[in-house]
mmCIF file of all heavy atoms, coordinates in Angstrom:
data_MODEL
# 
_entry.id   MODEL 
# 
loop_
_atom_site.group_PDB 
_atom_site.id 
_atom_site.type_symbol 
_atom_site.label_atom_id 
_atom_site.label_alt_id 
_atom_site.label_comp_id 
_atom_site.label_asym_id 
_atom_site.label_entity_id 
_atom_site.label_seq_id 
_atom_site.pdbx_PDB_ins_code 
_atom_site.Cartn_x 
_atom_site.Cartn_y 
_atom_site.Cartn_z 
_atom_site.occupancy 
_atom_site.B_iso_or_equiv 
_atom_site.pdbx_formal_charge 
_atom_site.auth_seq_id 
_atom_site.auth_comp_id 
_atom_site.auth_asym_id 
_atom_site.auth_atom_id 
_atom_site.pdbx_PDB_model_num 
ATOM 1   N N   . MET A 1 1  ? 0.841   -1.216 -0.034  1.00 0.00 ? 1  MET A N   1 
ATOM 2   C CA  . MET A 1 1  ? -0.025  0.016  -0.005  1.00 0.00 ? 1  MET A CA  1 
ATOM 3   C C   . MET A 1 1  ? 0.873   1.291  0.036   1.00 0.00 ? 1  MET A C   1 
ATOM 4   O O   . MET A 1 1  ? 2.069   1.197  0.363   1.00 0.00 ? 1  MET A O   1 
ATOM 5   C CB  . MET A 1 1  ? -0.907  0.040  1.168   1.00 0.00 ? 1  MET A CB  1 
ATOM 6   C CG  . MET A 1 1  ? -0.202  0.139  2.563   1.00 0.00 ? 1  MET A CG  1 
ATOM 7   S SD  . MET A 1 1  ? -1.196  0.032  4.007   1.00 0.00 ? 1  MET A SD  1 
ATOM 8   C CE  . MET A 1 1  ? -2.385  1.345  3.792   1.00 0.00 ? 1  MET A CE  1 
ATOM 9   N N   . ARG A 1 2  ? 0.405   2.444  -0.361  1.00 0.00 ? 2  ARG A N   1 
ATOM 10  C CA  . ARG A 1 2  ? -0.912  2.687  -1.014  1.00 0.00 ? 2  ARG A CA  1 
ATOM 11  C C   . ARG A 1 2  ? -0.842  2.295  -2.471  1.00 0.00 ? 2  ARG A C   1 
ATOM 12  O O   . ARG A 1 2  ? 0.185   2.211  -3.099  1.00 0.00 ? 2  ARG A O   1 
ATOM 13  C CB  . ARG A 1 2  ? -1.209  4.148  -0.888  1.00 0.00 ? 2  ARG A CB  1 
ATOM 14  C CG  . ARG A 1 2  ? -1.444  4.602  0.520   1.00 0.00 ? 2  ARG A CG  1 
ATOM 15  C CD  . ARG A 1 2  ? -1.883  6.035  0.664   1.00 0.00 ? 2  ARG A CD  1 
ATOM 16  N NE  . ARG A 1 2  ? -3.157  6.329  -0.176  1.00 0.00 ? 2  ARG A NE  1 
ATOM 17  C CZ  . ARG A 1 2  ? -4.374  6.323  0.392   1.00 0.00 ? 2  ARG A CZ  1 
ATOM 18  N NH1 . ARG A 1 2  ? -4.490  5.914  1.652   1.00 0.00 ? 2  ARG A NH1 1 
ATOM 19  N NH2 . ARG A 1 2  ? -5.393  6.570  -0.267  1.00 0.00 ? 2  ARG A NH2 1 
ATOM 20  N N   . TYR A 1 3  ? -2.035  1.991  -3.025  1.00 0.00 ? 3  TYR A N   1 
ATOM 21  C CA  . TYR A 1 3  ? -2.084  1.494  -4.367  1.00 0.00 ? 3  TYR A CA  1 
ATOM 22  C C   . TYR A 1 3  ? -2.487  2.463  -5.473  1.00 0.00 ? 3  TYR A C   1 
ATOM 23  O O   . TYR A 1 3  ? -1.966  2.360  -6.580  1.00 0.00 ? 3  TYR A O   1 
ATOM 24  C CB  . TYR A 1 3  ? -3.158  0.338  -4.388  1.00 0.00 ? 3  TYR A CB  1 
ATOM 25  C CG  . TYR A 1 3  ? -2.928  -0.718 -3.343  1.00 0.00 ? 3  TYR A CG  1 
ATOM 26  C CD1 . TYR A 1 3  ? -3.724  -0.736 -2.182  1.00 0.00 ? 3  TYR A CD1 1 
ATOM 27  C CD2 . TYR A 1 3  ? -1.811  -1.546 -3.411  1.00 0.00 ? 3  TYR A CD2 1 
ATOM 28  C CE1 . TYR A 1 3  ? -3.460  -1.720 -1.241  1.00 0.00 ? 3  TYR A CE1 1 
ATOM 29  C CE2 . TYR A 1 3  ? -1.607  -2.498 -2.439  1.00 0.00 ? 3  TYR A CE2 1 
ATOM 30  C CZ  . TYR A 1 3  ? -2.353  -2.580 -1.325  1.00 0.00 ? 3  TYR A CZ  1 
ATOM 31  O OH  . TYR A 1 3  ? -2.161  -3.516 -0.334  1.00 0.00 ? 3  TYR A OH  1 
ATOM 32  N N   . SER A 1 4  ? -3.336  3.450  -5.133  1.00 0.00 ? 4  SER A N   1 
ATOM 33  C CA  . SER A 1 4  ? -3.784  4.380  -6.216  1.00 0.00 ? 4  SER A CA  1 
ATOM 34  C C   . SER A 1 4  ? -2.640  5.249  -6.676  1.00 0.00 ? 4  SER A C   1 
ATOM 35  O O   . SER A 1 4  ? -1.747  5.613  -5.886  1.00 0.00 ? 4  SER A O   1 
ATOM 36  C CB  . SER A 1 4  ? -4.902  5.223  -5.631  1.00 0.00 ? 4  SER A CB  1 
ATOM 37  O OG  . SER A 1 4  ? -4.516  5.913  -4.469  1.00 0.00 ? 4  SER A OG  1 
ATOM 38  N N   . GLY A 1 5  ? -2.677  5.542  -7.930  1.00 0.00 ? 5  GLY A N   1 
ATOM 39  C CA  . GLY A 1 5  ? -1.691  6.430  -8.522  1.00 0.00 ? 5  GLY A CA  1 
ATOM 40  C C   . GLY A 1 5  ? -0.420  5.791  -9.013  1.00 0.00 ? 5  GLY A C   1 
ATOM 41  O O   . GLY A 1 5  ? 0.556   6.405  -9.491  1.00 0.00 ? 5  GLY A O   1 
ATOM 42  N N   . LYS A 1 6  ? -0.353  4.444  -8.905  1.00 0.00 ? 6  LYS A N   1 
ATOM 43  C CA  . LYS A 1 6  ? 0.940   3.713  -9.299  1.00 0.00 ? 6  LYS A CA  1 
ATOM 44  C C   . LYS A 1 6  ? 1.007   3.449  -10.738 1.00 0.00 ? 6  LYS A C   1 
ATOM 45  O O   . LYS A 1 6  ? 2.088   3.537  -11.355 1.00 0.00 ? 6  LYS A O   1 
ATOM 46  C CB  . LYS A 1 6  ? 0.940   2.363  -8.575  1.00 0.00 ? 6  LYS A CB  1 
ATOM 47  C CG  . LYS A 1 6  ? 1.330   2.396  -7.112  1.00 0.00 ? 6  LYS A CG  1 
ATOM 48  C CD  . LYS A 1 6  ? 1.473   0.958  -6.602  1.00 0.00 ? 6  LYS A CD  1 
ATOM 49  C CE  . LYS A 1 6  ? 1.853   0.900  -5.109  1.00 0.00 ? 6  LYS A CE  1 
ATOM 50  N NZ  . LYS A 1 6  ? 1.954   -0.536 -4.627  1.00 0.00 ? 6  LYS A NZ  1 
ATOM 51  N N   . TYR A 1 7  ? -0.095  3.175  -11.446 1.00 0.00 ? 7  TYR A N   1 
ATOM 52  C CA  . TYR A 1 7  ? -0.044  2.569  -12.762 1.00 0.00 ? 7  TYR A CA  1 
ATOM 53  C C   . TYR A 1 7  ? -0.752  3.493  -13.803 1.00 0.00 ? 7  TYR A C   1 
ATOM 54  O O   . TYR A 1 7  ? -1.773  4.106  -13.525 1.00 0.00 ? 7  TYR A O   1 
ATOM 55  C CB  . TYR A 1 7  ? -0.578  1.203  -12.797 1.00 0.00 ? 7  TYR A CB  1 
ATOM 56  C CG  . TYR A 1 7  ? 0.008   0.342  -11.766 1.00 0.00 ? 7  TYR A CG  1 
ATOM 57  C CD1 . TYR A 1 7  ? -0.730  -0.210 -10.709 1.00 0.00 ? 7  TYR A CD1 1 
ATOM 58  C CD2 . TYR A 1 7  ? 1.364   0.014  -11.807 1.00 0.00 ? 7  TYR A CD2 1 
ATOM 59  C CE1 . TYR A 1 7  ? -0.105  -1.051 -9.755  1.00 0.00 ? 7  TYR A CE1 1 
ATOM 60  C CE2 . TYR A 1 7  ? 2.015   -0.816 -10.919 1.00 0.00 ? 7  TYR A CE2 1 
ATOM 61  C CZ  . TYR A 1 7  ? 1.219   -1.318 -9.860  1.00 0.00 ? 7  TYR A CZ  1 
ATOM 62  O OH  . TYR A 1 7  ? 1.816   -2.119 -8.911  1.00 0.00 ? 7  TYR A OH  1 
ATOM 63  N N   . ASP A 1 8  ? -0.218  3.548  -15.019 1.00 0.00 ? 8  ASP A N   1 
ATOM 64  C CA  . ASP A 1 8  ? -0.753  4.404  -16.064 1.00 0.00 ? 8  ASP A CA  1 
ATOM 65  C C   . ASP A 1 8  ? -2.051  3.897  -16.684 1.00 0.00 ? 8  ASP A C   1 
ATOM 66  O O   . ASP A 1 8  ? -2.950  4.672  -16.924 1.00 0.00 ? 8  ASP A O   1 
ATOM 67  C CB  . ASP A 1 8  ? 0.358   4.614  -17.117 1.00 0.00 ? 8  ASP A CB  1 
ATOM 68  C CG  . ASP A 1 8  ? 1.543   5.361  -16.632 1.00 0.00 ? 8  ASP A CG  1 
ATOM 69  O OD1 . ASP A 1 8  ? 1.385   6.096  -15.648 1.00 0.00 ? 8  ASP A OD1 1 
ATOM 70  O OD2 . ASP A 1 8  ? 2.607   5.134  -17.191 1.00 0.00 ? 8  ASP A OD2 1 
ATOM 71  N N   . ASN A 1 9  ? -2.108  2.593  -16.922 1.00 0.00 ? 9  ASN A N   1 
ATOM 72  C CA  . ASN A 1 9  ? -3.279  1.970  -17.560 1.00 0.00 ? 9  ASN A CA  1 
ATOM 73  C C   . ASN A 1 9  ? -3.873  0.967  -16.685 1.00 0.00 ? 9  ASN A C   1 
ATOM 74  O O   . ASN A 1 9  ? -3.346  -0.181 -16.548 1.00 0.00 ? 9  ASN A O   1 
ATOM 75  C CB  . ASN A 1 9  ? -2.831  1.369  -18.897 1.00 0.00 ? 9  ASN A CB  1 
ATOM 76  C CG  . ASN A 1 9  ? -2.239  2.439  -19.801 1.00 0.00 ? 9  ASN A CG  1 
ATOM 77  O OD1 . ASN A 1 9  ? -2.831  3.483  -20.129 1.00 0.00 ? 9  ASN A OD1 1 
ATOM 78  N ND2 . ASN A 1 9  ? -0.941  2.173  -20.261 1.00 0.00 ? 9  ASN A ND2 1 
ATOM 79  N N   . VAL A 1 10 ? -5.070  1.311  -16.149 1.00 0.00 ? 10 VAL A N   1 
ATOM 80  C CA  . VAL A 1 10 ? -5.766  0.363  -15.269 1.00 0.00 ? 10 VAL A CA  1 
ATOM 81  C C   . VAL A 1 10 ? -7.107  0.053  -15.902 1.00 0.00 ? 10 VAL A C   1 
ATOM 82  O O   . VAL A 1 10 ? -8.004  0.963  -15.964 1.00 0.00 ? 10 VAL A O   1 
ATOM 83  C CB  . VAL A 1 10 ? -5.987  0.962  -13.859 1.00 0.00 ? 10 VAL A CB  1 
ATOM 84  C CG1 . VAL A 1 10 ? -6.709  -0.009 -12.976 1.00 0.00 ? 10 VAL A CG1 1 
ATOM 85  C CG2 . VAL A 1 10 ? -4.646  1.315  -13.239 1.00 0.00 ? 10 VAL A CG2 1 
ATOM 86  N N   . GLU A 1 11 ? -7.294  -1.180 -16.328 1.00 0.00 ? 11 GLU A N   1 
ATOM 87  C CA  . GLU A 1 11 ? -8.551  -1.542 -16.983 1.00 0.00 ? 11 GLU A CA  1 
ATOM 88  C C   . GLU A 1 11 ? -9.593  -2.116 -16.066 1.00 0.00 ? 11 GLU A C   1 
ATOM 89  O O   . GLU A 1 11 ? -10.784 -2.276 -16.469 1.00 0.00 ? 11 GLU A O   1 
ATOM 90  C CB  . GLU A 1 11 ? -8.299  -2.525 -18.104 1.00 0.00 ? 11 GLU A CB  1 
ATOM 91  C CG  . GLU A 1 11 ? -7.828  -3.911 -17.657 1.00 0.00 ? 11 GLU A CG  1 
ATOM 92  C CD  . GLU A 1 11 ? -6.283  -3.968 -17.511 1.00 0.00 ? 11 GLU A CD  1 
ATOM 93  O OE1 . GLU A 1 11 ? -5.574  -3.005 -17.246 1.00 0.00 ? 11 GLU A OE1 1 
ATOM 94  O OE2 . GLU A 1 11 ? -5.741  -5.113 -17.594 1.00 0.00 ? 11 GLU A OE2 1 
ATOM 95  N N   . PHE A 1 12 ? -9.288  -2.340 -14.813 1.00 0.00 ? 12 PHE A N   1 
ATOM 96  C CA  . PHE A 1 12 ? -10.173 -2.971 -13.883 1.00 0.00 ? 12 PHE A CA  1 
ATOM 97  C C   . PHE A 1 12 ? -11.161 -1.915 -13.303 1.00 0.00 ? 12 PHE A C   1 
ATOM 98  O O   . PHE A 1 12 ? -10.746 -0.770 -13.028 1.00 0.00 ? 12 PHE A O   1 
ATOM 99  C CB  . PHE A 1 12 ? -9.405  -3.582 -12.787 1.00 0.00 ? 12 PHE A CB  1 
ATOM 100 C CG  . PHE A 1 12 ? -8.598  -4.786 -13.148 1.00 0.00 ? 12 PHE A CG  1 
ATOM 101 C CD1 . PHE A 1 12 ? -7.223  -4.642 -13.296 1.00 0.00 ? 12 PHE A CD1 1 
ATOM 102 C CD2 . PHE A 1 12 ? -9.151  -5.985 -13.483 1.00 0.00 ? 12 PHE A CD2 1 
ATOM 103 C CE1 . PHE A 1 12 ? -6.414  -5.655 -13.693 1.00 0.00 ? 12 PHE A CE1 1 
ATOM 104 C CE2 . PHE A 1 12 ? -8.395  -7.073 -13.860 1.00 0.00 ? 12 PHE A CE2 1 
ATOM 105 C CZ  . PHE A 1 12 ? -6.950  -6.934 -13.998 1.00 0.00 ? 12 PHE A CZ  1 
ATOM 106 N N   . LYS A 1 13 ? -12.417 -2.361 -13.207 1.00 0.00 ? 13 LYS A N   1 
ATOM 107 C CA  . LYS A 1 13 ? -13.460 -1.528 -12.578 1.00 0.00 ? 13 LYS A CA  1 
ATOM 108 C C   . LYS A 1 13 ? -14.075 -2.423 -11.443 1.00 0.00 ? 13 LYS A C   1 
ATOM 109 O O   . LYS A 1 13 ? -14.419 -3.614 -11.685 1.00 0.00 ? 13 LYS A O   1 
ATOM 110 C CB  . LYS A 1 13 ? -14.591 -1.076 -13.550 1.00 0.00 ? 13 LYS A CB  1 
ATOM 111 C CG  . LYS A 1 13 ? -13.983 -0.148 -14.664 1.00 0.00 ? 13 LYS A CG  1 
ATOM 112 C CD  . LYS A 1 13 ? -13.457 1.171  -14.059 1.00 0.00 ? 13 LYS A CD  1 
ATOM 113 C CE  . LYS A 1 13 ? -12.835 2.027  -15.144 1.00 0.00 ? 13 LYS A CE  1 
ATOM 114 N NZ  . LYS A 1 13 ? -12.248 3.288  -14.644 1.00 0.00 ? 13 LYS A NZ  1 
ATOM 115 N N   . VAL A 1 14 ? -14.327 -1.840 -10.277 1.00 0.00 ? 14 VAL A N   1 
ATOM 116 C CA  . VAL A 1 14 ? -14.827 -2.648 -9.130  1.00 0.00 ? 14 VAL A CA  1 
ATOM 117 C C   . VAL A 1 14 ? -16.028 -2.029 -8.500  1.00 0.00 ? 14 VAL A C   1 
ATOM 118 O O   . VAL A 1 14 ? -16.246 -0.801 -8.684  1.00 0.00 ? 14 VAL A O   1 
ATOM 119 C CB  . VAL A 1 14 ? -13.688 -2.875 -8.078  1.00 0.00 ? 14 VAL A CB  1 
ATOM 120 C CG1 . VAL A 1 14 ? -12.485 -3.481 -8.695  1.00 0.00 ? 14 VAL A CG1 1 
ATOM 121 C CG2 . VAL A 1 14 ? -13.355 -1.537 -7.374  1.00 0.00 ? 14 VAL A CG2 1 
ATOM 122 N N   . LYS A 1 15 ? -16.775 -2.882 -7.825  1.00 0.00 ? 15 LYS A N   1 
ATOM 123 C CA  . LYS A 1 15 ? -17.900 -2.369 -7.038  1.00 0.00 ? 15 LYS A CA  1 
ATOM 124 C C   . LYS A 1 15 ? -17.857 -3.134 -5.671  1.00 0.00 ? 15 LYS A C   1 
ATOM 125 O O   . LYS A 1 15 ? -17.394 -4.292 -5.636  1.00 0.00 ? 15 LYS A O   1 
ATOM 126 C CB  . LYS A 1 15 ? -19.215 -2.661 -7.699  1.00 0.00 ? 15 LYS A CB  1 
ATOM 127 C CG  . LYS A 1 15 ? -19.487 -1.814 -8.946  1.00 0.00 ? 15 LYS A CG  1 
ATOM 128 C CD  . LYS A 1 15 ? -20.800 -2.092 -9.559  1.00 0.00 ? 15 LYS A CD  1 
ATOM 129 C CE  . LYS A 1 15 ? -21.017 -1.313 -10.872 1.00 0.00 ? 15 LYS A CE  1 
ATOM 130 N NZ  . LYS A 1 15 ? -22.356 -1.652 -11.491 1.00 0.00 ? 15 LYS A NZ  1 
ATOM 131 N N   . GLY A 1 16 ? -18.292 -2.444 -4.662  1.00 0.00 ? 16 GLY A N   1 
ATOM 132 C CA  . GLY A 1 16 ? -18.423 -3.223 -3.367  1.00 0.00 ? 16 GLY A CA  1 
ATOM 133 C C   . GLY A 1 16 ? -17.468 -2.673 -2.291  1.00 0.00 ? 16 GLY A C   1 
ATOM 134 O O   . GLY A 1 16 ? -17.557 -3.194 -1.152  1.00 0.00 ? 16 GLY A O   1 
ATOM 135 N N   . VAL A 1 17 ? -16.571 -1.799 -2.649  1.00 0.00 ? 17 VAL A N   1 
ATOM 136 C CA  . VAL A 1 17 ? -15.626 -1.298 -1.633  1.00 0.00 ? 17 VAL A CA  1 
ATOM 137 C C   . VAL A 1 17 ? -15.656 0.236  -1.569  1.00 0.00 ? 17 VAL A C   1 
ATOM 138 O O   . VAL A 1 17 ? -15.974 0.880  -2.579  1.00 0.00 ? 17 VAL A O   1 
ATOM 139 C CB  . VAL A 1 17 ? -14.178 -1.777 -1.959  1.00 0.00 ? 17 VAL A CB  1 
ATOM 140 C CG1 . VAL A 1 17 ? -14.056 -3.202 -1.799  1.00 0.00 ? 17 VAL A CG1 1 
ATOM 141 C CG2 . VAL A 1 17 ? -13.774 -1.302 -3.341  1.00 0.00 ? 17 VAL A CG2 1 
ATOM 142 N N   . PRO A 1 18 ? -15.302 0.800  -0.426  1.00 0.00 ? 18 PRO A N   1 
ATOM 143 C CA  . PRO A 1 18 ? -15.407 2.248  -0.290  1.00 0.00 ? 18 PRO A CA  1 
ATOM 144 C C   . PRO A 1 18 ? -14.347 2.991  -1.103  1.00 0.00 ? 18 PRO A C   1 
ATOM 145 O O   . PRO A 1 18 ? -14.503 4.170  -1.456  1.00 0.00 ? 18 PRO A O   1 
ATOM 146 C CB  . PRO A 1 18 ? -15.288 2.515  1.167   1.00 0.00 ? 18 PRO A CB  1 
ATOM 147 C CG  . PRO A 1 18 ? -14.608 1.294  1.730   1.00 0.00 ? 18 PRO A CG  1 
ATOM 148 C CD  . PRO A 1 18 ? -15.097 0.149  0.857   1.00 0.00 ? 18 PRO A CD  1 
ATOM 149 N N   . GLU A 1 19 ? -13.168 2.383  -1.326  1.00 0.00 ? 19 GLU A N   1 
ATOM 150 C CA  . GLU A 1 19 ? -12.053 3.021  -2.015  1.00 0.00 ? 19 GLU A CA  1 
ATOM 151 C C   . GLU A 1 19 ? -11.843 2.323  -3.359  1.00 0.00 ? 19 GLU A C   1 
ATOM 152 O O   . GLU A 1 19 ? -10.939 1.417  -3.437  1.00 0.00 ? 19 GLU A O   1 
ATOM 153 C CB  . GLU A 1 19 ? -10.791 2.940  -1.132  1.00 0.00 ? 19 GLU A CB  1 
ATOM 154 C CG  . GLU A 1 19 ? -10.938 3.713  0.171   1.00 0.00 ? 19 GLU A CG  1 
ATOM 155 C CD  . GLU A 1 19 ? -9.627  3.749  0.936   1.00 0.00 ? 19 GLU A CD  1 
ATOM 156 O OE1 . GLU A 1 19 ? -8.668  4.417  0.542   1.00 0.00 ? 19 GLU A OE1 1 
ATOM 157 O OE2 . GLU A 1 19 ? -9.582  3.051  1.972   1.00 0.00 ? 19 GLU A OE2 1 
ATOM 158 N N   . THR A 1 20 ? -12.634 2.659  -4.387  1.00 0.00 ? 20 THR A N   1 
ATOM 159 C CA  . THR A 1 20 ? -12.425 1.960  -5.621  1.00 0.00 ? 20 THR A CA  1 
ATOM 160 C C   . THR A 1 20 ? -11.116 2.207  -6.334  1.00 0.00 ? 20 THR A C   1 
ATOM 161 O O   . THR A 1 20 ? -10.618 1.264  -6.939  1.00 0.00 ? 20 THR A O   1 
ATOM 162 C CB  . THR A 1 20 ? -13.656 2.460  -6.591  1.00 0.00 ? 20 THR A CB  1 
ATOM 163 O OG1 . THR A 1 20 ? -13.579 3.842  -6.728  1.00 0.00 ? 20 THR A OG1 1 
ATOM 164 C CG2 . THR A 1 20 ? -14.993 2.056  -6.012  1.00 0.00 ? 20 THR A CG2 1 
ATOM 165 N N   . ALA A 1 21 ? -10.572 3.387  -6.223  1.00 0.00 ? 21 ALA A N   1 
ATOM 166 C CA  . ALA A 1 21 ? -9.247  3.657  -6.903  1.00 0.00 ? 21 ALA A CA  1 
ATOM 167 C C   . ALA A 1 21 ? -8.161  2.797  -6.258  1.00 0.00 ? 21 ALA A C   1 
ATOM 168 O O   . ALA A 1 21 ? -7.335  2.262  -6.990  1.00 0.00 ? 21 ALA A O   1 
ATOM 169 C CB  . ALA A 1 21 ? -8.974  5.163  -6.779  1.00 0.00 ? 21 ALA A CB  1 
ATOM 170 N N   . GLU A 1 22 ? -8.195  2.597  -4.961  1.00 0.00 ? 22 GLU A N   1 
ATOM 171 C CA  . GLU A 1 22 ? -7.233  1.740  -4.339  1.00 0.00 ? 22 GLU A CA  1 
ATOM 172 C C   . GLU A 1 22 ? -7.427  0.341  -4.805  1.00 0.00 ? 22 GLU A C   1 
ATOM 173 O O   . GLU A 1 22 ? -6.446  -0.378 -5.189  1.00 0.00 ? 22 GLU A O   1 
ATOM 174 C CB  . GLU A 1 22 ? -7.446  1.764  -2.827  1.00 0.00 ? 22 GLU A CB  1 
ATOM 175 C CG  . GLU A 1 22 ? -6.847  3.024  -2.093  1.00 0.00 ? 22 GLU A CG  1 
ATOM 176 C CD  . GLU A 1 22 ? -5.418  2.966  -1.953  1.00 0.00 ? 22 GLU A CD  1 
ATOM 177 O OE1 . GLU A 1 22 ? -4.877  2.220  -1.090  1.00 0.00 ? 22 GLU A OE1 1 
ATOM 178 O OE2 . GLU A 1 22 ? -4.665  3.572  -2.791  1.00 0.00 ? 22 GLU A OE2 1 
ATOM 179 N N   . ALA A 1 23 ? -8.656  -0.145 -4.878  1.00 0.00 ? 23 ALA A N   1 
ATOM 180 C CA  . ALA A 1 23 ? -8.935  -1.524 -5.321  1.00 0.00 ? 23 ALA A CA  1 
ATOM 181 C C   . ALA A 1 23 ? -8.509  -1.765 -6.741  1.00 0.00 ? 23 ALA A C   1 
ATOM 182 O O   . ALA A 1 23 ? -7.944  -2.828 -7.119  1.00 0.00 ? 23 ALA A O   1 
ATOM 183 C CB  . ALA A 1 23 ? -10.356 -1.869 -5.063  1.00 0.00 ? 23 ALA A CB  1 
ATOM 184 N N   . GLU A 1 24 ? -8.848  -0.869 -7.665  1.00 0.00 ? 24 GLU A N   1 
ATOM 185 C CA  . GLU A 1 24 ? -8.525  -1.003 -9.055  1.00 0.00 ? 24 GLU A CA  1 
ATOM 186 C C   . GLU A 1 24 ? -7.056  -1.048 -9.317  1.00 0.00 ? 24 GLU A C   1 
ATOM 187 O O   . GLU A 1 24 ? -6.586  -1.879 -10.119 1.00 0.00 ? 24 GLU A O   1 
ATOM 188 C CB  . GLU A 1 24 ? -9.283  0.048  -9.855  1.00 0.00 ? 24 GLU A CB  1 
ATOM 189 C CG  . GLU A 1 24 ? -10.789 -0.127 -9.890  1.00 0.00 ? 24 GLU A CG  1 
ATOM 190 C CD  . GLU A 1 24 ? -11.544 1.129  -10.301 1.00 0.00 ? 24 GLU A CD  1 
ATOM 191 O OE1 . GLU A 1 24 ? -10.925 2.164  -10.600 1.00 0.00 ? 24 GLU A OE1 1 
ATOM 192 O OE2 . GLU A 1 24 ? -12.826 1.044  -10.391 1.00 0.00 ? 24 GLU A OE2 1 
# 
């Protein structure tokens, strides 16, 4: 951690968690 902001191309989309950017 932290996960958000690491990668240029993120194709994953998620539902069910409060922090979607972190999860993706």
